[in-house]
C-alpha cells in the first residue's frame, strides 16, 4: 500500500457579503495523488456565538449532497474535484449567516491534511474596503497634484505673456523716442541754415544803413 501523504486545502480567511446577495466560498486543494473516484469533500458550518457545528454539504462517489440544514435551500455546489476545486455558493445572504465554514477534502490514499476555514461576514450594506479607501486617497492626491501643476503652469504662462507684452511696449516706446529724436534733429538741421541766412541778411541791411548814413554826411 502507498503511504499516506499530506493533502493541502486552501480557502480565503474571510469573505464579505451583503444581505440578499450571494457569495462564493472558495475551496481548492493540492494532492500528490491522482484524483481518486473515492475523493470526498465535506463542508461544515458553525454560526457565530454558537458552539454547535453543522454538516451542510458532502461530496462522495461523484455525487454532491446538501445536508438537511437551515442553509439547504440556498446552497449550490460549483466545485469540480478533477480541477481540484471544492467550492460552494451561498445565495440570498442573511445577517444570521455570519459564521465559520470549514472545507475538508480526502483523496485516498492521500487523506492526511488539515481542514481549512473561512469566516463569512454579512452586512446590511457593503463596507468600505481598506484597498478601496487607499485607492480613493491616492486618486485624490494625484488629482490635487495635477491641479496644482496646471495652476503653476497657468501662472507661469500668464507671467510670460505679461513679460512679452511689457517688452513690446518698452520697445515701442524706445522706437517712438528714437523717432522723435531723429525728427527733432532733422528739424534743427533744417532751421540752422535758415537762421544763418536771416542773420546774414540782417547784417547786410545793417551795413547798408550805415553806408547810407555816411553818404548823407
C-alpha atoms as a PDB file:
ATOM      1  CA  UNK A   1       0.000   0.000   0.000  1.00  0.00           C
ATOM      2  CA  UNK A   2       1.134   3.525  -0.754  1.00  0.00           C
ATOM      3  CA  UNK A   3       1.967   5.615   2.281  1.00  0.00           C
ATOM      4  CA  UNK A   4      -0.431   8.474   3.157  1.00  0.00           C
ATOM      5  CA  UNK A   5       0.781  11.890   2.109  1.00  0.00           C
ATOM      6  CA  UNK A   6      -0.194  15.322   3.346  1.00  0.00           C
ATOM      7  CA  UNK A   7      -3.072  16.937   1.422  1.00  0.00           C
ATOM      8  CA  UNK A   8      -3.269  20.742   1.362  1.00  0.00           C
ATOM      9  CA  UNK A   9      -6.618  22.596   1.439  1.00  0.00           C
ATOM     10  CA  UNK A  10      -6.893  26.343   0.786  1.00  0.00           C
ATOM     11  CA  UNK A  11      -9.657  28.863   1.472  1.00  0.00           C
ATOM     12  CA  UNK A  12      -9.894  32.611   1.973  1.00  0.00           C
ATOM     13  CA  UNK A  13      -9.585  33.634   5.603  1.00  0.00           C
ATOM     14  CA  UNK A  14     -12.559  35.997   5.398  1.00  0.00           C
ATOM     15  CA  UNK A  15     -15.360  36.679   2.932  1.00  0.00           C
ATOM     16  CA  UNK A  16     -17.771  39.644   2.958  1.00  0.00           C
ATOM     17  CA  UNK A  17     -21.301  39.806   1.615  1.00  0.00           C
ATOM     18  CA  UNK A  18     -24.442  41.928   1.800  1.00  0.00           C
ATOM     19  CA  UNK A  19     -27.988  40.935   2.704  1.00  0.00           C
ATOM     20  CA  UNK A  20     -29.815  39.397  -0.269  1.00  0.00           C
ATOM     21  CA  UNK A  21     -26.680  38.836  -2.371  1.00  0.00           C
ATOM     22  CA  UNK A  22     -24.685  35.656  -2.937  1.00  0.00           C
ATOM     23  CA  UNK A  23     -21.153  34.728  -2.022  1.00  0.00           C
ATOM     24  CA  UNK A  24     -18.768  32.058  -3.244  1.00  0.00           C
ATOM     25  CA  UNK A  25     -16.993  30.091  -0.530  1.00  0.00           C
ATOM     26  CA  UNK A  26     -13.916  29.127  -2.489  1.00  0.00           C
ATOM     27  CA  UNK A  27     -12.023  25.962  -1.581  1.00  0.00           C
ATOM     28  CA  UNK A  28      -9.137  24.492  -3.552  1.00  0.00           C
ATOM     29  CA  UNK A  29      -6.764  21.673  -2.707  1.00  0.00           C
ATOM     30  CA  UNK A  30      -3.499  20.066  -3.714  1.00  0.00           C
ATOM     31  CA  UNK A  31      -2.828  16.352  -3.642  1.00  0.00           C
ATOM     32  CA  UNK A  32       0.233  14.396  -4.631  1.00  0.00           C
ATOM     33  CA  UNK A  33      -2.029  11.591  -5.885  1.00  0.00           C
ATOM     34  CA  UNK A  34      -4.228  11.395  -8.959  1.00  0.00           C
ATOM     35  CA  UNK A  35      -7.790  12.396  -8.214  1.00  0.00           C
ATOM     36  CA  UNK A  36      -9.417   9.244  -6.986  1.00  0.00           C
ATOM     37  CA  UNK A  37     -13.003   8.123  -7.533  1.00  0.00           C
ATOM     38  CA  UNK A  38     -13.157   7.851  -3.776  1.00  0.00           C
ATOM     39  CA  UNK A  39     -12.426  11.540  -3.226  1.00  0.00           C
ATOM     40  CA  UNK A  40     -14.686  13.202  -0.660  1.00  0.00           C
ATOM     41  CA  UNK A  41     -15.479  16.833   0.091  1.00  0.00           C
ATOM     42  CA  UNK A  42     -17.188  17.907   3.305  1.00  0.00           C
ATOM     43  CA  UNK A  43     -18.343  21.375   4.362  1.00  0.00           C
ATOM     44  CA  UNK A  44     -19.282  22.284   7.949  1.00  0.00           C
ATOM     45  CA  UNK A  45     -20.830  25.456   9.315  1.00  0.00           C
ATOM     46  CA  UNK A  46     -20.621  26.961  12.806  1.00  0.00           C
ATOM     47  CA  UNK A  47     -22.724  30.117  13.343  1.00  0.00           C
ATOM     48  CA  UNK A  48     -21.179  32.978  15.282  1.00  0.00           C
ATOM     49  CA  UNK A  49     -21.913  32.913  19.006  1.00  0.00           C
ATOM     50  CA  UNK A  50     -22.661  29.194  18.798  1.00  0.00           C
ATOM     51  CA  UNK A  51     -20.702  26.104  19.792  1.00  0.00           C
ATOM     52  CA  UNK A  52     -22.683  23.784  17.564  1.00  0.00           C
ATOM     53  CA  UNK A  53     -21.258  22.785  14.163  1.00  0.00           C
ATOM     54  CA  UNK A  54     -23.492  21.605  11.311  1.00  0.00           C
ATOM     55  CA  UNK A  55     -22.626  19.390   8.371  1.00  0.00           C
ATOM     56  CA  UNK A  56     -24.049  21.285   5.383  1.00  0.00           C
ATOM     57  CA  UNK A  57     -22.555  19.598   2.309  1.00  0.00           C
ATOM     58  CA  UNK A  58     -20.994  16.275   1.310  1.00  0.00           C
ATOM     59  CA  UNK A  59     -19.490  15.051  -1.955  1.00  0.00           C
ATOM     60  CA  UNK A  60     -18.765  11.314  -2.391  1.00  0.00           C
ATOM     61  CA  UNK A  61     -18.730   8.747  -5.217  1.00  0.00           C
ATOM     62  CA  UNK A  62     -19.049  11.593  -7.724  1.00  0.00           C
ATOM     63  CA  UNK A  63     -22.349  12.822  -6.260  1.00  0.00           C
ATOM     64  CA  UNK A  64     -22.929  16.118  -4.371  1.00  0.00           C
ATOM     65  CA  UNK A  65     -25.340  16.056  -1.467  1.00  0.00           C
ATOM     66  CA  UNK A  66     -26.681  19.039   0.508  1.00  0.00           C
ATOM     67  CA  UNK A  67     -27.475  18.142   4.097  1.00  0.00           C
ATOM     68  CA  UNK A  68     -30.732  18.971   5.819  1.00  0.00           C
ATOM     69  CA  UNK A  69     -29.883  22.311   7.455  1.00  0.00           C
ATOM     70  CA  UNK A  70     -31.224  25.866   7.545  1.00  0.00           C
ATOM     71  CA  UNK A  71     -28.947  26.617   4.582  1.00  0.00           C
ATOM     72  CA  UNK A  72     -30.199  23.734   2.412  1.00  0.00           C
ATOM     73  CA  UNK A  73     -32.373  25.782   0.016  1.00  0.00           C
ATOM     74  CA  UNK A  74     -29.641  28.367  -0.500  1.00  0.00           C
ATOM     75  CA  UNK A  75     -26.565  26.204  -1.071  1.00  0.00           C
ATOM     76  CA  UNK A  76     -25.141  25.371  -4.501  1.00  0.00           C
ATOM     77  CA  UNK A  77     -22.240  23.111  -5.440  1.00  0.00           C
ATOM     78  CA  UNK A  78     -19.937  24.740  -8.026  1.00  0.00           C
ATOM     79  CA  UNK A  79     -16.798  22.686  -7.432  1.00  0.00           C
ATOM     80  CA  UNK A  80     -15.010  20.251  -9.696  1.00  0.00           C
ATOM     81  CA  UNK A  81     -12.772  17.727  -7.927  1.00  0.00           C
ATOM     82  CA  UNK A  82     -10.978  16.931 -11.191  1.00  0.00           C
ATOM     83  CA  UNK A  83      -9.887  20.558 -11.263  1.00  0.00           C
ATOM     84  CA  UNK A  84      -9.069  20.416  -7.552  1.00  0.00           C
ATOM     85  CA  UNK A  85     -11.931  22.778  -6.778  1.00  0.00           C
ATOM     86  CA  UNK A  86     -14.366  22.144  -3.889  1.00  0.00           C
ATOM     87  CA  UNK A  87     -16.202  25.493  -3.793  1.00  0.00           C
ATOM     88  CA  UNK A  88     -19.823  26.153  -2.864  1.00  0.00           C
ATOM     89  CA  UNK A  89     -22.091  29.191  -3.255  1.00  0.00           C
ATOM     90  CA  UNK A  90     -24.480  30.555  -0.630  1.00  0.00           C
ATOM     91  CA  UNK A  91     -27.418  32.520  -2.057  1.00  0.00           C
ATOM     92  CA  UNK A  92     -29.760  35.143  -0.512  1.00  0.00           C
ATOM     93  CA  UNK A  93     -27.479  36.035   2.353  1.00  0.00           C
ATOM     94  CA  UNK A  94     -28.940  36.861   5.754  1.00  0.00           C
ATOM     95  CA  UNK A  95     -27.395  38.508   8.793  1.00  0.00           C
ATOM     96  CA  UNK A  96     -27.778  35.232  10.673  1.00  0.00           C
ATOM     97  CA  UNK A  97     -25.439  33.523   8.170  1.00  0.00           C
ATOM     98  CA  UNK A  98     -22.411  35.052   9.874  1.00  0.00           C
ATOM     99  CA  UNK A  99     -20.146  32.230  10.930  1.00  0.00           C
ATOM    100  CA  UNK A 100     -17.234  29.924  10.117  1.00  0.00           C
ATOM    101  CA  UNK A 101     -17.344  27.488   7.190  1.00  0.00           C
ATOM    102  CA  UNK A 102     -14.938  24.553   7.124  1.00  0.00           C
ATOM    103  CA  UNK A 103     -13.769  22.748   3.978  1.00  0.00           C
ATOM    104  CA  UNK A 104     -12.318  19.226   4.276  1.00  0.00           C
ATOM    105  CA  UNK A 105     -11.032  17.109   1.376  1.00  0.00           C
ATOM    106  CA  UNK A 106      -9.872  13.495   1.314  1.00  0.00           C
ATOM    107  CA  UNK A 107      -8.293  11.880  -1.760  1.00  0.00           C
ATOM    108  CA  UNK A 108      -7.439   8.265  -0.799  1.00  0.00           C
ATOM    109  CA  UNK A 109      -4.763   7.231  -0.198  1.00  0.00           C
ATOM    110  CA  UNK A 110      -3.871  10.897   0.300  1.00  0.00           C
ATOM    111  CA  UNK A 111      -6.030  11.531   3.349  1.00  0.00           C
ATOM    112  CA  UNK A 112      -3.715  13.233   5.815  1.00  0.00           C
ATOM    113  CA  UNK A 113      -4.115  17.016   5.942  1.00  0.00           C
ATOM    114  CA  UNK A 114      -5.663  19.895   7.802  1.00  0.00           C
ATOM    115  CA  UNK A 115      -9.062  21.359   7.077  1.00  0.00           C
ATOM    116  CA  UNK A 116      -9.323  24.999   6.039  1.00  0.00           C
ATOM    117  CA  UNK A 117     -11.604  27.681   7.484  1.00  0.00           C
ATOM    118  CA  UNK A 118     -13.302  30.732   6.002  1.00  0.00           C
ATOM    119  CA  UNK A 119     -15.228  33.275   8.064  1.00  0.00           C
ATOM    120  CA  UNK A 120     -18.320  34.831   6.485  1.00  0.00           C
ATOM    121  CA  UNK A 121     -19.387  38.372   7.439  1.00  0.00           C
ATOM    122  CA  UNK A 122     -22.758  39.610   6.167  1.00  0.00           C
ATOM    123  CA  UNK A 123     -23.573  43.352   6.215  1.00  0.00           C
ATOM    124  CA  UNK A 124     -26.648  45.426   5.526  1.00  0.00           C
ATOM    125  CA  UNK A 125     -24.509  47.489   3.135  1.00  0.00           C
ATOM    126  CA  UNK A 126     -21.121  46.734   1.660  1.00  0.00           C
ATOM    127  CA  UNK A 127     -18.363  48.037   3.973  1.00  0.00           C
ATOM    128  CA  UNK A 128     -15.671  50.298   2.605  1.00  0.00           C
ATOM    129  CA  UNK A 129     -12.658  48.148   1.891  1.00  0.00           C
ATOM    130  CA  UNK A 130      -9.224  49.369   3.023  1.00  0.00           C
ATOM    131  CA  UNK A 131      -7.892  48.929  -0.521  1.00  0.00           C
ATOM    132  CA  UNK A 132     -10.756  50.989  -1.925  1.00  0.00           C
ATOM    133  CA  UNK A 133     -10.224  53.752   0.630  1.00  0.00           C
ATOM    134  CA  UNK A 134      -6.488  53.761  -0.121  1.00  0.00           C
ATOM    135  CA  UNK A 135      -7.232  53.933  -3.841  1.00  0.00           C
ATOM    136  CA  UNK A 136      -9.558  56.904  -3.314  1.00  0.00           C
ATOM    137  CA  UNK A 137      -6.921  58.683  -1.210  1.00  0.00           C
ATOM    138  CA  UNK A 138      -4.214  58.074  -3.836  1.00  0.00           C
ATOM    139  CA  UNK A 139      -6.517  59.197  -6.663  1.00  0.00           C
ATOM    140  CA  UNK A 140      -7.436  62.357  -4.735  1.00  0.00           C
ATOM    141  CA  UNK A 141      -3.764  63.113  -4.053  1.00  0.00           C
ATOM    142  CA  UNK A 142      -2.892  62.646  -7.723  1.00  0.00           C
ATOM    143  CA  UNK A 143      -5.776  64.860  -8.785  1.00  0.00           C
ATOM    144  CA  UNK A 144      -4.592  67.547  -6.356  1.00  0.00           C
ATOM    145  CA  UNK A 145      -1.018  67.326  -7.680  1.00  0.00           C
ATOM    146  CA  UNK A 146      -2.260  67.597 -11.272  1.00  0.00           C
ATOM    147  CA  UNK A 147      -4.457  70.575 -10.361  1.00  0.00           C
ATOM    148  CA  UNK A 148      -1.586  72.375  -8.602  1.00  0.00           C
ATOM    149  CA  UNK A 149       0.730  71.646 -11.556  1.00  0.00           C
ATOM    150  CA  UNK A 150      -1.796  73.046 -14.027  1.00  0.00           C
ATOM    151  CA  UNK A 151      -2.266  76.133 -11.828  1.00  0.00           C
ATOM    152  CA  UNK A 152       1.507  76.718 -11.639  1.00  0.00           C
ATOM    153  CA  UNK A 153       1.867  76.320 -15.413  1.00  0.00           C
ATOM    154  CA  UNK A 154      -1.032  78.721 -15.973  1.00  0.00           C
ATOM    155  CA  UNK A 155       0.514  81.320 -13.654  1.00  0.00           C
ATOM    156  CA  UNK A 156       3.891  80.982 -15.400  1.00  0.00           C
ATOM    157  CA  UNK A 157       2.220  81.269 -18.795  1.00  0.00           C
ATOM    158  CA  UNK A 158       0.380  84.452 -17.767  1.00  0.00           C
ATOM    159  CA  UNK A 159       3.609  85.903 -16.321  1.00  0.00           C
ATOM    160  CA  UNK A 160       5.481  85.068 -19.526  1.00  0.00           C
ATOM    161  CA  UNK A 161       2.787  86.694 -21.659  1.00  0.00           C
ATOM    162  CA  UNK A 162       2.890  89.789 -19.476  1.00  0.00           C
ATOM    163  CA  UNK A 163       6.679  89.999 -19.771  1.00  0.00           C
ATOM    164  CA  UNK A 164       6.469  89.751 -23.552  1.00  0.00           C
ATOM    165  CA  UNK A 165       3.785  92.459 -23.669  1.00  0.00           C
ATOM    166  CA  UNK A 166       5.852  94.748 -21.441  1.00  0.00           C
ATOM    167  CA  UNK A 167       8.938  94.196 -23.593  1.00  0.00           C
ATOM    168  CA  UNK A 168       6.947  95.038 -26.688  1.00  0.00           C
ATOM    169  CA  UNK A 169       5.583  98.190 -25.077  1.00  0.00           C
ATOM    170  CA  UNK A 170       9.066  99.247 -23.964  1.00  0.00           C
ATOM    171  CA  UNK A 171      10.428  98.550 -27.441  1.00  0.00           C
ATOM    172  CA  UNK A 172       7.613 100.621 -28.938  1.00  0.00           C
ATOM    173  CA  UNK A 173       8.339 103.496 -26.540  1.00  0.00           C
ATOM    174  CA  UNK A 174      12.039 103.342 -27.312  1.00  0.00           C
ATOM    175  CA  UNK A 175      11.334 103.354 -31.050  1.00  0.00           C
ATOM    176  CA  UNK A 176       8.982 106.327 -30.562  1.00  0.00           C
ATOM    177  CA  UNK A 177      11.590 108.265 -28.616  1.00  0.00           C
ATOM    178  CA  UNK A 178      14.238 107.497 -31.201  1.00  0.00           C
ATOM    179  CA  UNK A 179      11.899 108.632 -33.946  1.00  0.00           C
ATOM    180  CA  UNK A 180      11.192 111.906 -32.112  1.00  0.00           C
ATOM    181  CA  UNK A 181      14.914 112.479 -31.624  1.00  0.00           C
ATOM    182  CA  UNK A 182      15.546 111.938 -35.316  1.00  0.00           C
ATOM    183  CA  UNK A 183      12.700 114.251 -36.283  1.00  0.00           C
ATOM    184  CA  UNK A 184      13.908 116.965 -33.944  1.00  0.00           C
ATOM    185  CA  UNK A 185      17.458 116.618 -35.272  1.00  0.00           C
ATOM    186  CA  UNK A 186      16.149 116.904 -38.835  1.00  0.00           C
ATOM    187  CA  UNK A 187      14.172 119.990 -37.950  1.00  0.00           C
ATOM    188  CA  UNK A 188      17.147 121.598 -36.228  1.00  0.00           C
ATOM    189  CA  UNK A 189      19.345 120.830 -39.230  1.00  0.00           C
ATOM    190  CA  UNK A 190      16.779 122.472 -41.489  1.00  0.00           C
ATOM    191  CA  UNK A 191      16.377 125.526 -39.270  1.00  0.00           C
ATOM    192  CA  UNK A 192      20.133 126.203 -38.888  1.00  0.00           C
ATOM    193  CA  UNK A 193      20.807 127.367 -42.491  1.00  0.00           C
ATOM    194  CA  UNK A 194      17.655 129.484 -42.371  1.00  0.00           C
ATOM    195  CA  UNK A 195      18.824 131.069 -39.172  1.00  0.00           C
ATOM    196  CA  UNK A 196      22.224 131.756 -40.681  1.00  0.00           C
ATOM    197  CA  UNK A 197      20.575 133.279 -43.741  1.00  0.00           C
ATOM    198  CA  UNK A 198      18.392 135.525 -41.600  1.00  0.00           C
ATOM    199  CA  UNK A 199      21.417 136.637 -39.618  1.00  0.00           C
ATOM    200  CA  UNK A 200      23.386 137.315 -42.805  1.00  0.00           C
ATOM    201  CA  UNK A 201      20.518 139.297 -44.290  1.00  0.00           C
ATOM    202  CA  UNK A 202      20.203 141.278 -41.070  1.00  0.00           C
ATOM    203  CA  UNK A 203      23.896 142.088 -41.167  1.00  0.00           C
ATOM    204  CA  UNK A 204      23.702 143.169 -44.801  1.00  0.00           C
ATOM    205  CA  UNK A 205      20.768 145.504 -44.137  1.00  0.00           C
ATOM    206  CA  UNK A 206      22.609 146.950 -41.172  1.00  0.00           C
ATOM    207  CA  UNK A 207      25.670 147.608 -43.311  1.00  0.00           C
ATOM    208  CA  UNK A 208      23.555 149.313 -45.971  1.00  0.00           C
ATOM    209  CA  UNK A 209      22.043 151.621 -43.396  1.00  0.00           C
ATOM    210  CA  UNK A 210      25.478 152.564 -42.144  1.00  0.00           C
ATOM    211  CA  UNK A 211      26.676 153.294 -45.678  1.00  0.00           C
ATOM    212  CA  UNK A 212      23.658 155.481 -46.389  1.00  0.00           C
ATOM    213  CA  UNK A 213      24.286 157.468 -43.249  1.00  0.00           C
ATOM    214  CA  UNK A 214      27.914 158.024 -44.252  1.00  0.00           C
ATOM    215  CA  UNK A 215      26.858 159.286 -47.712  1.00  0.00           C
ATOM    216  CA  UNK A 216      24.476 161.811 -46.200  1.00  0.00           C
ATOM    217  CA  UNK A 217      27.186 163.257 -44.103  1.00  0.00           C
END
